[in-house]
Amino acid sequence: MSAVSDEFFINEHLDFLQSNDENLTFEQVFQQYQLSSFSHKQNSKVSFGFTSDVVWASVSITNSSADSIKKVFYIDSAWLDRGDFYFIRHNALVKQNSIGDTLPFAERPNRTRMMTQQYVFEPGTTDVIMRFKSNDPLLIPIYLTDESLVQNNVALSSYFYGFLYGAFFILLIYNIALSVGLKDVRYVFYSLYLLSFLSLNIAYTGHGFKYIWPDNLYVQSWAMIIFLYFYIIFAIAFCFEFLKLKVFTPRLYKLKIWIYAALIIIGGSLFITGKQLLAVHIGVILTSLLVVVFISLGFVTFKSNHRVVQFFIPAVLMGAGGAAISAATTWGIISYNAMLFHSIEIGMLIEMFIFALALAFDLKEVNKARLIAEVDAQFDHLTALYNRRAFSSVANNQWHLNLRLHKNMSMILLDIDWFKKINDDHGHAAGDAVLKKVASILKNKVRKSDVLARWGGEEFIIFLPNTNKVAATGLANTLREDIQALRVIHDGQSLTVTASFGVAGYVNHLSRLEELIKLADVALYQAKDSGRNTVFELPDEPDNSPQCITPH
């Protein structure tokens, strides 16, 4: 091939020699190269998958100009244990250099995450033989390019990863804050899931080797593997908690401890025995299976009407699906393509936003349920009136406002007569029907500013702000007449009902709402004691006896 001035993907021009003999020397390989023992791969071979073999590659570069041309071999993969370049002119070795993760980062000629090798091509033809060996999946997409284009690629990738890491970091902090504030274990595991993927990405993209452990070759050799297993463990943990398997499929949920234990034992054993290639092999298989397992669990919980599953399945298709595509590209199952190879990052970025929406939606639903519960806690479910607790809260606010403004206030307390007999003779359903009918009459007669509540059992209470005792007594008598005229039809029978009323007005010596309620209760007691179906009011002077306004 001829040297070109822009970026050129050279894998389609490479010839390969794959050998299981690690001790094969360059001289021996060069002899086979001269004997045309290298074979050409028609499909632009990039991935050799999980192999312990040594892969040799060759290419001839022709500089047809009269000037020397400086070029860079750029390998678009951040994991490669060893790469040796041999440059040959006129059947003689003129330069040899090595790159890879088995060398400290400081020894790289270009301080880039990806592997690069510079060479100045003299006019004429230069043969290049390359040797590749790795304990990770062997992936060698090679470009012949200029230094300026390498720097452009570095700058573009910096923008992309800056955005990616920034988004992940913001979401991580946000979910940590939610996990602390809400004490919801889902946010804890989602934070760990994000952190494990972020760590894995930093390891396999070379950012860790460049910025965090540039001189520690042992960490570099195991970091990606360790973070891969943490990613799998926390992905499963998050899935189990996010889908609430403990609620919807408790039997499956109980398996999580065994799954965690198996992953830890497998990963720990491979780490102790130093079997890096096998550890990565198993890890990639498990990563590829995640999408199948997650979608299966998603459909299981979908049948249980778990609402957030509508977010889970598309998120998994994006995230775990992207990881599976990247794994398949790494294996060589799918032909190499830069977009496909980086699909795990693109998929995880989309998954991240979908899960963020899902958790926000779930948080909204939780808050909505909490608000509904708070509202329900204020109302009596049978009559839809305020209950006793809500009445005290709302009426107290009105009480203090009227005290400051020196306004009149009155209280009505009423009790349905002989209500126990209705329940005993006709059943509790009939009693409930009577309560609802009486409540409806009361709601239709009181003002919006009045505070009406079911006080307990068959008792109702009405607080009337800005209302004197005379007006309150008139209202009580109107209500008494309306209730007396009421006919409740139940099981074909027409039931009649009456009620007794106690009325009290505010007097200067009262300082608390409860005192006015107590006065109304005294008046109600007198109304019932006087024969029921009666309105009694207390006079302004509490020492006087109650007055019967409308005797039965």
Protein backbone atom coordinates (compact mmCIF):
# COMPACT_ATOMS: atom_id res chain seq x y z
CA MET A 1 0.00 0.00 0.00
CA SER A 2 1.05 3.61 -0.44
CA ALA A 3 1.46 6.06 2.44
CA VAL A 4 -1.41 8.55 2.65
CA SER A 5 -1.74 11.96 4.28
CA ASP A 6 -4.87 11.30 6.31
CA GLU A 7 -6.14 8.59 8.63
CA PHE A 8 -6.26 5.16 7.07
CA PHE A 9 -7.59 1.89 8.50
CA ILE A 10 -4.92 -0.63 7.58
CA ASN A 11 -6.38 -3.91 8.91
CA GLU A 12 -7.77 -4.68 5.49
CA HIS A 13 -4.19 -4.69 4.20
CA LEU A 14 -2.68 -6.85 6.93
CA ASP A 15 -1.41 -10.40 6.59
CA PHE A 16 -1.39 -12.55 9.73
CA LEU A 17 0.53 -15.38 11.30
CA GLN A 18 -1.01 -16.83 14.47
CA SER A 19 1.15 -19.08 16.64
CA ASN A 20 0.88 -20.72 20.05
CA ASP A 21 4.65 -20.55 20.42
CA GLU A 22 5.48 -17.51 22.60
CA ASN A 23 9.21 -18.08 22.08
CA LEU A 24 9.07 -17.63 18.33
CA THR A 25 11.73 -15.00 17.50
CA PHE A 26 11.53 -12.17 15.03
CA GLU A 27 14.23 -13.80 12.88
CA GLN A 28 12.19 -16.99 12.63
CA VAL A 29 9.03 -15.04 11.82
CA PHE A 30 10.85 -12.93 9.23
CA GLN A 31 11.96 -16.09 7.45
CA GLN A 32 8.34 -17.24 7.28
CA TYR A 33 7.34 -13.79 6.07
CA GLN A 34 9.86 -14.09 3.22
CA LEU A 35 8.40 -17.51 2.45
CA SER A 36 4.92 -15.93 2.25
CA SER A 37 3.67 -17.95 5.23
CA PHE A 38 1.53 -15.05 6.41
CA SER A 39 -2.13 -15.34 5.38
CA HIS A 40 -4.47 -12.52 4.38
CA LYS A 41 -7.80 -12.09 6.18
CA GLN A 42 -10.47 -11.02 3.75
CA ASN A 43 -12.74 -9.62 6.51
CA SER A 44 -10.28 -7.01 7.81
CA LYS A 45 -9.50 -9.04 10.93
CA VAL A 46 -9.54 -6.89 14.07
CA SER A 47 -10.55 -9.12 16.96
CA PHE A 48 -8.93 -12.42 17.83
CA GLY A 49 -11.13 -12.88 20.89
CA PHE A 50 -9.83 -14.77 23.89
CA THR A 51 -6.62 -16.35 22.80
CA SER A 52 -3.30 -17.24 24.39
CA ASP A 53 -1.68 -17.25 20.93
CA VAL A 54 0.80 -14.72 19.67
CA VAL A 55 -0.49 -12.84 16.64
CA TRP A 56 1.99 -11.54 14.07
CA ALA A 57 0.85 -9.06 11.42
CA SER A 58 2.65 -7.63 8.41
CA VAL A 59 2.11 -4.78 5.98
CA SER A 60 4.20 -3.06 3.31
CA ILE A 61 4.18 0.74 3.22
CA THR A 62 5.32 2.52 0.06
CA ASN A 63 6.31 6.16 0.19
CA SER A 64 6.09 7.21 -3.46
CA SER A 65 7.21 10.78 -2.76
CA ALA A 66 10.77 12.10 -2.72
CA ASP A 67 10.52 13.22 0.90
CA SER A 68 10.41 11.39 4.19
CA ILE A 69 6.95 11.16 5.75
CA LYS A 70 6.31 10.86 9.50
CA LYS A 71 3.42 8.58 10.33
CA VAL A 72 1.83 7.13 13.45
CA PHE A 73 0.39 3.66 13.93
CA TYR A 74 -2.64 4.25 16.13
CA ILE A 75 -4.34 1.27 17.83
CA ASP A 76 -7.90 2.12 18.85
CA SER A 77 -7.85 -0.08 21.94
CA ALA A 78 -6.68 0.81 25.42
CA TRP A 79 -5.90 -2.73 26.51
CA LEU A 80 -2.95 -4.52 24.96
CA ASP A 81 -0.30 -6.24 27.04
CA ARG A 82 2.43 -6.14 24.43
CA GLY A 83 2.93 -4.86 20.92
CA ASP A 84 6.31 -5.05 19.14
CA PHE A 85 6.96 -3.17 15.89
CA TYR A 86 9.74 -4.16 13.49
CA PHE A 87 10.57 -1.86 10.55
CA ILE A 88 12.47 -3.49 7.65
CA ARG A 89 14.06 -1.93 4.60
CA HIS A 90 15.93 -3.89 1.95
CA ASN A 91 15.51 -7.08 4.02
CA ALA A 92 17.29 -5.52 7.01
CA LEU A 93 15.82 -4.55 10.38
CA VAL A 94 16.25 -0.79 10.78
CA LYS A 95 14.15 -0.11 13.88
CA GLN A 96 12.36 -2.04 16.60
CA ASN A 97 10.13 -0.68 19.38
CA SER A 98 7.66 -1.99 21.95
CA ILE A 99 4.39 -0.65 23.36
CA GLY A 100 1.73 -2.02 25.69
CA ASP A 101 0.48 -2.24 29.26
CA THR A 102 3.46 -4.30 30.38
CA LEU A 103 5.48 -1.09 30.10
CA PRO A 104 5.06 1.93 32.43
CA PHE A 105 2.89 4.66 30.98
CA ALA A 106 5.82 7.12 31.13
CA GLU A 107 7.67 5.05 28.48
CA ARG A 108 5.04 5.66 25.82
CA PRO A 109 6.38 7.92 23.06
CA ASN A 110 2.97 9.62 22.86
CA ARG A 111 1.30 10.05 26.23
CA THR A 112 -2.08 8.93 24.91
CA ARG A 113 -4.48 6.39 26.33
CA MET A 114 -4.40 4.38 23.13
CA MET A 115 -1.28 2.64 21.85
CA THR A 116 0.73 4.54 19.25
CA GLN A 117 3.98 3.95 17.39
CA GLN A 118 5.71 6.68 15.34
CA TYR A 119 7.92 6.08 12.34
CA VAL A 120 9.47 8.19 9.59
CA PHE A 121 9.00 6.47 6.25
CA GLU A 122 11.80 7.07 3.80
CA PRO A 123 11.08 7.10 0.05
CA GLY A 124 10.49 3.60 -1.20
CA THR A 125 9.01 0.55 0.50
CA THR A 126 9.19 -0.30 4.20
CA ASP A 127 7.98 -3.65 5.51
CA VAL A 128 6.40 -3.57 8.97
CA ILE A 129 6.01 -6.69 11.07
CA MET A 130 4.04 -6.43 14.30
CA ARG A 131 3.79 -8.88 17.21
CA PHE A 132 0.76 -8.78 19.55
CA LYS A 133 0.12 -10.68 22.78
CA SER A 134 -2.42 -10.05 25.52
CA ASN A 135 -4.10 -11.72 28.47
CA ASP A 136 -7.18 -9.67 27.68
CA PRO A 137 -9.27 -10.15 24.54
CA LEU A 138 -6.95 -9.40 21.64
CA LEU A 139 -8.40 -6.45 19.75
CA ILE A 140 -6.12 -4.58 17.35
CA PRO A 141 -7.90 -2.01 15.14
CA ILE A 142 -4.88 -0.23 13.59
CA TYR A 143 -4.87 3.12 11.82
CA LEU A 144 -2.00 4.73 9.94
CA THR A 145 -2.36 8.44 10.53
CA ASP A 146 -0.68 11.75 11.25
CA GLU A 147 0.29 13.11 14.65
CA SER A 148 -2.20 15.97 14.24
CA LEU A 149 -5.08 13.54 13.66
CA VAL A 150 -4.04 11.55 16.72
CA GLN A 151 -4.23 14.72 18.78
CA ASN A 152 -7.62 15.56 17.22
CA ASN A 153 -8.88 12.11 18.18
CA VAL A 154 -7.54 12.62 21.69
CA ALA A 155 -9.31 15.99 21.95
CA LEU A 156 -12.62 14.60 20.64
CA SER A 157 -12.49 11.64 23.00
CA SER A 158 -11.70 14.01 25.88
CA TYR A 159 -14.88 15.95 25.15
CA PHE A 160 -16.93 12.76 24.97
CA TYR A 161 -15.52 11.22 28.13
CA GLY A 162 -15.67 14.55 29.93
CA PHE A 163 -19.38 14.70 29.20
CA LEU A 164 -19.86 11.01 30.05
CA TYR A 165 -17.98 11.15 33.35
CA GLY A 166 -19.52 14.48 34.27
CA ALA A 167 -23.03 13.13 33.72
CA PHE A 168 -22.26 9.96 35.66
CA PHE A 169 -20.66 11.92 38.50
CA ILE A 170 -23.62 14.30 38.83
CA LEU A 171 -26.07 11.41 38.80
CA LEU A 172 -23.92 9.52 41.30
CA ILE A 173 -23.88 12.42 43.77
CA TYR A 174 -27.61 12.98 43.25
CA ASN A 175 -28.45 9.35 44.00
CA ILE A 176 -26.14 9.23 47.02
CA ALA A 177 -27.99 12.25 48.40
CA LEU A 178 -31.34 10.58 47.71
CA SER A 179 -30.22 7.32 49.33
CA VAL A 180 -29.18 9.22 52.48
CA GLY A 181 -32.27 11.41 52.56
CA LEU A 182 -34.89 8.80 51.67
CA LYS A 183 -33.14 5.75 53.12
CA ASP A 184 -34.20 3.83 50.01
CA VAL A 185 -31.87 0.92 49.24
CA ARG A 186 -32.55 1.22 45.50
CA TYR A 187 -30.70 4.51 45.33
CA VAL A 188 -27.80 2.95 47.25
CA PHE A 189 -27.44 0.10 44.77
CA TYR A 190 -27.96 2.40 41.80
CA SER A 191 -25.13 4.58 43.11
CA LEU A 192 -22.90 1.50 43.45
CA TYR A 193 -23.96 0.35 39.98
CA LEU A 194 -23.00 3.72 38.50
CA LEU A 195 -19.73 3.80 40.44
CA SER A 196 -18.76 0.28 39.32
CA PHE A 197 -19.44 1.07 35.66
CA LEU A 198 -17.56 4.35 35.95
CA SER A 199 -14.59 2.50 37.47
CA LEU A 200 -14.76 -0.21 34.79
CA ASN A 201 -14.86 2.39 32.05
CA ILE A 202 -11.90 4.28 33.54
CA ALA A 203 -9.96 1.01 33.61
CA TYR A 204 -10.66 -0.30 30.10
CA THR A 205 -10.42 3.09 28.36
CA GLY A 206 -6.92 3.64 29.74
CA HIS A 207 -7.83 6.70 31.81
CA GLY A 208 -6.88 4.86 34.97
CA PHE A 209 -3.45 3.88 33.64
CA LYS A 210 -2.82 7.40 32.40
CA TYR A 211 -4.00 9.41 35.41
CA ILE A 212 -4.34 7.14 38.47
CA TRP A 213 -1.84 4.22 38.42
CA PRO A 214 0.62 5.02 35.59
CA ASP A 215 3.54 3.15 37.20
CA ASN A 216 1.68 0.20 38.70
CA LEU A 217 1.66 -2.53 36.08
CA TYR A 218 0.07 -5.09 38.43
CA VAL A 219 -2.95 -2.85 39.04
CA GLN A 220 -3.21 -2.19 35.31
CA SER A 221 -3.27 -5.92 34.57
CA TRP A 222 -6.12 -6.64 37.02
CA ALA A 223 -8.09 -3.39 37.34
CA MET A 224 -10.42 -3.99 34.41
CA ILE A 225 -11.15 -7.56 35.54
CA ILE A 226 -11.90 -6.60 39.15
CA PHE A 227 -14.15 -3.68 38.17
CA LEU A 228 -15.92 -5.89 35.62
CA TYR A 229 -16.96 -8.31 38.36
CA PHE A 230 -18.03 -5.47 40.64
CA TYR A 231 -20.09 -4.10 37.76
CA ILE A 232 -21.83 -7.47 37.33
CA ILE A 233 -22.50 -7.85 41.08
CA PHE A 234 -23.92 -4.36 41.54
CA ALA A 235 -25.90 -4.56 38.29
CA ILE A 236 -27.65 -7.69 39.61
CA ALA A 237 -28.12 -6.09 43.06
CA PHE A 238 -29.66 -2.96 41.53
CA CYS A 239 -31.90 -5.05 39.27
CA PHE A 240 -33.24 -7.05 42.23
CA GLU A 241 -33.98 -3.92 44.26
CA PHE A 242 -35.24 -1.75 41.38
CA LEU A 243 -37.74 -4.41 40.29
CA LYS A 244 -38.73 -5.00 43.94
CA LEU A 245 -38.33 -8.74 43.53
CA LYS A 246 -38.65 -9.09 47.30
CA VAL A 247 -42.28 -8.02 46.90
CA PHE A 248 -43.22 -9.45 43.50
CA THR A 249 -41.08 -12.62 43.32
CA PRO A 250 -39.76 -13.41 46.81
CA ARG A 251 -38.42 -16.81 45.77
CA LEU A 252 -36.17 -15.27 43.14
CA TYR A 253 -35.12 -12.57 45.57
CA LYS A 254 -33.81 -15.19 48.00
CA LEU A 255 -31.36 -16.37 45.31
CA LYS A 256 -29.41 -13.10 45.37
CA ILE A 257 -27.11 -14.16 48.23
CA TRP A 258 -26.14 -17.33 46.35
CA ILE A 259 -25.54 -15.35 43.15
CA TYR A 260 -23.30 -12.86 44.97
CA ALA A 261 -21.41 -15.66 46.71
CA ALA A 262 -20.87 -17.55 43.42
CA LEU A 263 -19.55 -14.43 41.66
CA ILE A 264 -17.21 -13.58 44.55
CA ILE A 265 -15.90 -17.16 44.74
CA ILE A 266 -15.36 -17.39 40.97
CA GLY A 267 -13.71 -13.97 40.70
CA GLY A 268 -11.63 -14.50 43.85
CA SER A 269 -10.41 -17.91 42.71
CA LEU A 270 -9.37 -16.61 39.31
CA PHE A 271 -7.59 -13.66 40.94
CA ILE A 272 -5.71 -15.88 43.39
CA THR A 273 -4.65 -18.32 40.66
CA GLY A 274 -3.70 -15.46 38.34
CA LYS A 275 -5.80 -16.67 35.40
CA GLN A 276 -6.44 -13.29 33.81
CA LEU A 277 -7.58 -14.46 30.40
CA LEU A 278 -10.09 -16.94 31.85
CA ALA A 279 -11.35 -14.31 34.33
CA VAL A 280 -12.04 -11.84 31.51
CA HIS A 281 -13.58 -14.59 29.39
CA ILE A 282 -16.06 -15.54 32.11
CA GLY A 283 -16.74 -11.88 32.94
CA VAL A 284 -17.58 -11.00 29.35
CA ILE A 285 -19.86 -14.05 29.09
CA LEU A 286 -21.69 -12.97 32.26
CA THR A 287 -21.97 -9.40 30.96
CA SER A 288 -23.49 -10.70 27.73
CA LEU A 289 -25.98 -12.80 29.71
CA LEU A 290 -27.07 -9.83 31.84
CA VAL A 291 -29.34 -8.51 29.11
CA VAL A 292 -31.16 -11.86 28.87
CA VAL A 293 -31.51 -12.23 32.64
CA PHE A 294 -32.62 -8.63 33.17
CA ILE A 295 -35.24 -8.65 30.43
CA SER A 296 -36.58 -11.98 31.71
CA LEU A 297 -36.91 -10.55 35.23
CA GLY A 298 -38.48 -7.44 33.76
CA PHE A 299 -41.23 -9.44 32.07
CA VAL A 300 -41.79 -11.48 35.23
CA THR A 301 -42.45 -8.33 37.27
CA PHE A 302 -44.34 -6.71 34.37
CA LYS A 303 -47.04 -9.33 34.85
CA SER A 304 -47.31 -8.17 38.47
CA ASN A 305 -48.25 -4.63 37.32
CA HIS A 306 -45.03 -3.09 38.63
CA ARG A 307 -45.22 0.33 36.95
CA VAL A 308 -41.51 1.20 36.77
CA VAL A 309 -40.90 -1.89 34.60
CA GLN A 310 -41.99 0.23 31.64
CA PHE A 311 -38.70 2.10 32.12
CA PHE A 312 -36.60 -0.93 33.06
CA ILE A 313 -36.89 -3.00 29.88
CA PRO A 314 -35.88 -0.21 27.41
CA ALA A 315 -33.11 0.88 29.79
CA VAL A 316 -31.71 -2.67 29.89
CA LEU A 317 -31.93 -2.95 26.12
CA MET A 318 -29.82 0.19 25.87
CA GLY A 319 -27.30 -0.50 28.65
CA ALA A 320 -26.88 -4.25 28.84
CA GLY A 321 -27.60 -4.49 25.11
CA GLY A 322 -24.79 -2.06 24.39
CA ALA A 323 -22.51 -4.07 26.68
CA ALA A 324 -23.44 -7.29 24.87
CA ILE A 325 -22.69 -5.71 21.47
CA SER A 326 -19.33 -4.44 22.71
CA ALA A 327 -18.57 -7.90 24.11
CA ALA A 328 -19.54 -9.55 20.82
CA THR A 329 -17.27 -7.12 18.97
CA THR A 330 -14.45 -7.89 21.38
CA TRP A 331 -14.98 -11.61 20.84
CA GLY A 332 -14.96 -11.18 17.08
CA ILE A 333 -18.53 -12.45 16.73
CA ILE A 334 -19.46 -9.10 15.17
CA SER A 335 -17.14 -7.48 12.67
CA TYR A 336 -15.27 -4.57 14.21
CA ASN A 337 -16.74 -1.11 13.97
CA ALA A 338 -15.72 1.80 16.19
CA MET A 339 -19.36 2.68 16.96
CA LEU A 340 -20.23 -0.93 17.81
CA PHE A 341 -17.11 -1.30 19.94
CA HIS A 342 -18.05 1.77 22.01
CA SER A 343 -21.75 0.86 22.14
CA ILE A 344 -21.45 -0.01 25.86
CA GLU A 345 -20.70 3.64 26.65
CA ILE A 346 -23.43 4.97 24.39
CA GLY A 347 -25.90 2.41 25.73
CA MET A 348 -25.01 3.10 29.35
CA LEU A 349 -25.38 6.84 28.78
CA ILE A 350 -28.92 6.31 27.46
CA GLU A 351 -29.65 3.76 30.20
CA MET A 352 -28.45 6.24 32.80
CA PHE A 353 -31.02 8.85 31.75
CA ILE A 354 -33.83 6.29 31.48
CA PHE A 355 -33.15 4.96 34.99
CA ALA A 356 -32.92 8.54 36.26
CA LEU A 357 -36.37 9.17 34.78
CA ALA A 358 -37.65 5.90 36.27
CA LEU A 359 -36.41 6.72 39.76
CA ALA A 360 -37.76 10.26 39.45
CA PHE A 361 -41.11 8.84 38.33
CA ASP A 362 -41.11 6.39 41.22
CA LEU A 363 -40.17 9.16 43.64
CA LYS A 364 -43.05 11.23 42.27
CA GLU A 365 -45.42 8.30 42.75
CA VAL A 366 -44.18 7.82 46.32
CA ASN A 367 -44.70 11.51 47.08
CA LYS A 368 -48.11 11.37 45.45
CA ALA A 369 -49.05 8.37 47.58
CA ARG A 370 -47.71 10.15 50.67
CA LEU A 371 -49.79 13.26 49.89
CA ILE A 372 -52.86 11.13 49.29
CA ALA A 373 -52.23 9.34 52.57
CA GLU A 374 -51.85 12.67 54.34
CA VAL A 375 -55.10 13.93 52.82
CA ASP A 376 -56.88 10.66 53.59
CA ALA A 377 -55.66 10.91 57.18
CA GLN A 378 -57.63 14.15 57.52
CA PHE A 379 -60.95 12.80 56.28
CA ASP A 380 -63.54 10.35 57.48
CA HIS A 381 -63.86 7.79 54.68
CA LEU A 382 -67.57 7.13 55.21
CA THR A 383 -68.88 10.70 55.20
CA ALA A 384 -65.99 12.47 53.39
CA LEU A 385 -65.96 15.07 56.18
CA TYR A 386 -62.99 16.17 58.24
CA ASN A 387 -62.13 13.76 61.03
CA ARG A 388 -61.53 14.81 64.63
CA ARG A 389 -57.78 15.43 64.18
CA ALA A 390 -58.22 17.55 61.06
CA PHE A 391 -61.04 19.53 62.68
CA SER A 392 -58.84 20.49 65.62
CA SER A 393 -56.07 21.67 63.28
CA VAL A 394 -58.25 23.67 60.86
CA ALA A 395 -60.63 25.09 63.48
CA ASN A 396 -57.74 26.18 65.72
CA ASN A 397 -56.39 28.36 62.91
CA GLN A 398 -59.80 30.00 62.50
CA TRP A 399 -60.15 30.35 66.28
CA HIS A 400 -56.90 32.30 66.68
CA LEU A 401 -57.67 34.50 63.68
CA ASN A 402 -61.10 35.43 65.12
CA LEU A 403 -59.55 36.09 68.52
CA ARG A 404 -57.11 38.60 67.00
CA LEU A 405 -59.90 40.28 65.04
CA HIS A 406 -62.34 40.19 68.01
CA LYS A 407 -64.97 38.41 65.92
CA ASN A 408 -67.92 36.34 67.14
CA MET A 409 -67.59 32.56 67.12
CA SER A 410 -70.03 29.72 67.78
CA MET A 411 -69.94 25.95 68.04
CA ILE A 412 -72.62 23.36 67.20
CA LEU A 413 -72.34 19.79 68.39
CA LEU A 414 -75.04 17.32 67.24
CA ASP A 415 -75.78 13.69 67.88
CA ILE A 416 -78.11 11.37 65.90
CA ASP A 417 -80.85 10.16 68.22
CA TRP A 418 -81.18 6.45 69.00
CA PHE A 419 -78.47 5.57 66.49
CA LYS A 420 -77.59 2.31 68.26
CA LYS A 421 -81.17 1.13 67.80
CA ILE A 422 -80.89 1.77 64.03
CA ASN A 423 -77.80 -0.43 63.89
CA ASP A 424 -79.37 -3.12 66.06
CA ASP A 425 -82.70 -3.22 64.21
CA HIS A 426 -81.54 -2.70 60.61
CA GLY A 427 -77.81 -3.49 60.58
CA HIS A 428 -74.66 -1.43 60.30
CA ALA A 429 -75.17 -0.87 56.57
CA ALA A 430 -78.36 1.01 57.41
CA GLY A 431 -76.48 2.99 60.05
CA ASP A 432 -73.82 3.92 57.49
CA ALA A 433 -76.49 5.07 55.05
CA VAL A 434 -77.99 7.32 57.73
CA LEU A 435 -74.61 8.84 58.57
CA LYS A 436 -73.91 9.63 54.92
CA LYS A 437 -77.34 11.23 54.44
CA VAL A 438 -76.98 13.37 57.54
CA ALA A 439 -73.48 14.41 56.47
CA SER A 440 -74.84 15.43 53.07
CA ILE A 441 -77.46 17.66 54.69
CA LEU A 442 -74.83 19.32 56.88
CA LYS A 443 -72.47 19.94 53.94
CA ASN A 444 -75.23 21.57 51.92
CA LYS A 445 -76.13 23.99 54.72
CA VAL A 446 -72.79 25.19 56.12
CA ARG A 447 -70.63 27.92 54.58
CA LYS A 448 -67.20 27.37 53.04
CA SER A 449 -65.66 29.25 55.95
CA ASP A 450 -67.32 26.94 58.49
CA VAL A 451 -65.47 23.87 59.72
CA LEU A 452 -67.56 20.69 59.62
CA ALA A 453 -66.37 17.30 60.84
CA ARG A 454 -67.48 13.91 62.03
CA TRP A 455 -66.63 14.15 65.71
CA GLY A 456 -66.92 10.42 66.36
CA GLY A 457 -69.54 7.68 66.01
CA GLU A 458 -72.85 9.41 65.34
CA GLU A 459 -71.66 12.85 66.48
CA PHE A 460 -70.91 15.81 64.20
CA ILE A 461 -69.38 19.18 65.00
CA ILE A 462 -69.56 22.57 63.27
CA PHE A 463 -67.33 25.54 64.09
CA LEU A 464 -68.82 28.83 62.88
CA PRO A 465 -66.31 31.70 62.69
CA ASN A 466 -67.64 35.26 62.54
CA THR A 467 -71.04 33.97 63.73
CA ASN A 468 -72.95 34.93 66.87
CA LYS A 469 -74.92 32.52 68.99
CA VAL A 470 -78.28 33.64 67.62
CA ALA A 471 -77.30 32.84 64.02
CA ALA A 472 -75.74 29.55 65.11
CA THR A 473 -78.95 28.56 66.94
CA GLY A 474 -80.98 29.41 63.84
CA LEU A 475 -78.73 27.19 61.70
CA ALA A 476 -78.96 24.37 64.22
CA ASN A 477 -82.73 24.52 64.20
CA THR A 478 -82.80 24.48 60.35
CA LEU A 479 -80.55 21.43 60.36
CA ARG A 480 -82.71 19.73 63.00
CA GLU A 481 -85.80 20.21 60.84
CA ASP A 482 -84.05 18.97 57.67
CA ILE A 483 -82.83 15.85 59.44
CA GLN A 484 -86.28 15.21 60.90
CA ALA A 485 -87.72 15.37 57.36
CA LEU A 486 -85.09 12.98 56.06
CA ARG A 487 -86.15 9.59 54.73
CA VAL A 488 -83.45 6.97 54.27
CA ILE A 489 -84.37 4.05 52.01
CA HIS A 490 -82.56 0.84 52.94
CA ASP A 491 -83.47 -2.68 51.81
CA GLY A 492 -86.85 -1.41 50.73
CA GLN A 493 -87.58 0.18 54.11
CA SER A 494 -87.95 3.91 54.79
CA LEU A 495 -86.10 4.98 57.92
CA THR A 496 -86.68 8.24 59.77
CA VAL A 497 -84.10 9.89 61.99
CA THR A 498 -83.76 12.86 64.33
CA ALA A 499 -80.83 14.62 65.98
CA SER A 500 -80.10 16.61 69.11
CA PHE A 501 -78.07 19.84 68.99
CA GLY A 502 -75.97 21.74 71.50
CA VAL A 503 -75.02 25.34 70.69
CA ALA A 504 -72.47 27.56 72.45
CA GLY A 505 -71.17 31.03 71.61
CA TYR A 506 -67.81 32.57 72.39
CA VAL A 507 -67.58 34.52 75.65
CA ASN A 508 -64.66 36.66 76.78
CA HIS A 509 -63.31 34.34 79.44
CA LEU A 510 -62.61 31.53 76.88
CA SER A 511 -59.00 31.19 75.79
CA ARG A 512 -58.95 27.84 74.00
CA LEU A 513 -61.03 26.19 71.29
CA GLU A 514 -61.47 23.12 73.50
CA GLU A 515 -63.32 25.23 76.06
CA LEU A 516 -65.93 26.28 73.48
CA ILE A 517 -66.31 22.64 72.38
CA LYS A 518 -66.86 21.66 76.02
CA LEU A 519 -69.65 24.24 76.37
CA ALA A 520 -71.34 22.90 73.20
CA ASP A 521 -71.02 19.37 74.62
CA VAL A 522 -72.75 20.48 77.85
CA ALA A 523 -75.58 21.95 75.78
CA LEU A 524 -75.83 18.73 73.71
CA TYR A 525 -76.05 16.69 76.90
CA GLN A 526 -78.93 18.87 78.02
CA ALA A 527 -80.67 18.47 74.63
CA LYS A 528 -80.51 14.68 74.85
CA ASP A 529 -81.50 14.70 78.50
CA SER A 530 -84.56 16.78 77.59
CA GLY A 531 -86.02 14.26 75.20
CA ARG A 532 -83.86 14.55 72.01
CA ASN A 533 -84.70 16.13 68.63
CA THR A 534 -84.02 19.42 70.36
CA VAL A 535 -81.68 22.41 70.05
CA PHE A 536 -80.17 23.72 73.29
CA GLU A 537 -78.00 26.77 73.64
CA LEU A 538 -75.89 27.89 76.55
CA PRO A 539 -76.45 31.43 77.79
CA ASP A 540 -73.59 33.94 77.74
CA GLU A 541 -73.09 33.53 81.47
CA PRO A 542 -71.92 29.99 82.11
CA ASP A 543 -73.44 29.93 85.60
CA ASN A 544 -76.94 30.04 84.16
CA SER A 545 -78.67 26.81 83.17
CA PRO A 546 -78.97 25.88 79.48
CA GLN A 547 -81.98 27.12 77.59
CA CYS A 548 -84.15 24.88 75.46
CA ILE A 549 -84.94 26.72 72.23
CA THR A 550 -86.86 24.08 70.30
CA PRO A 551 -88.27 21.42 72.59
CA HIS A 552 -89.37 18.17 71.05
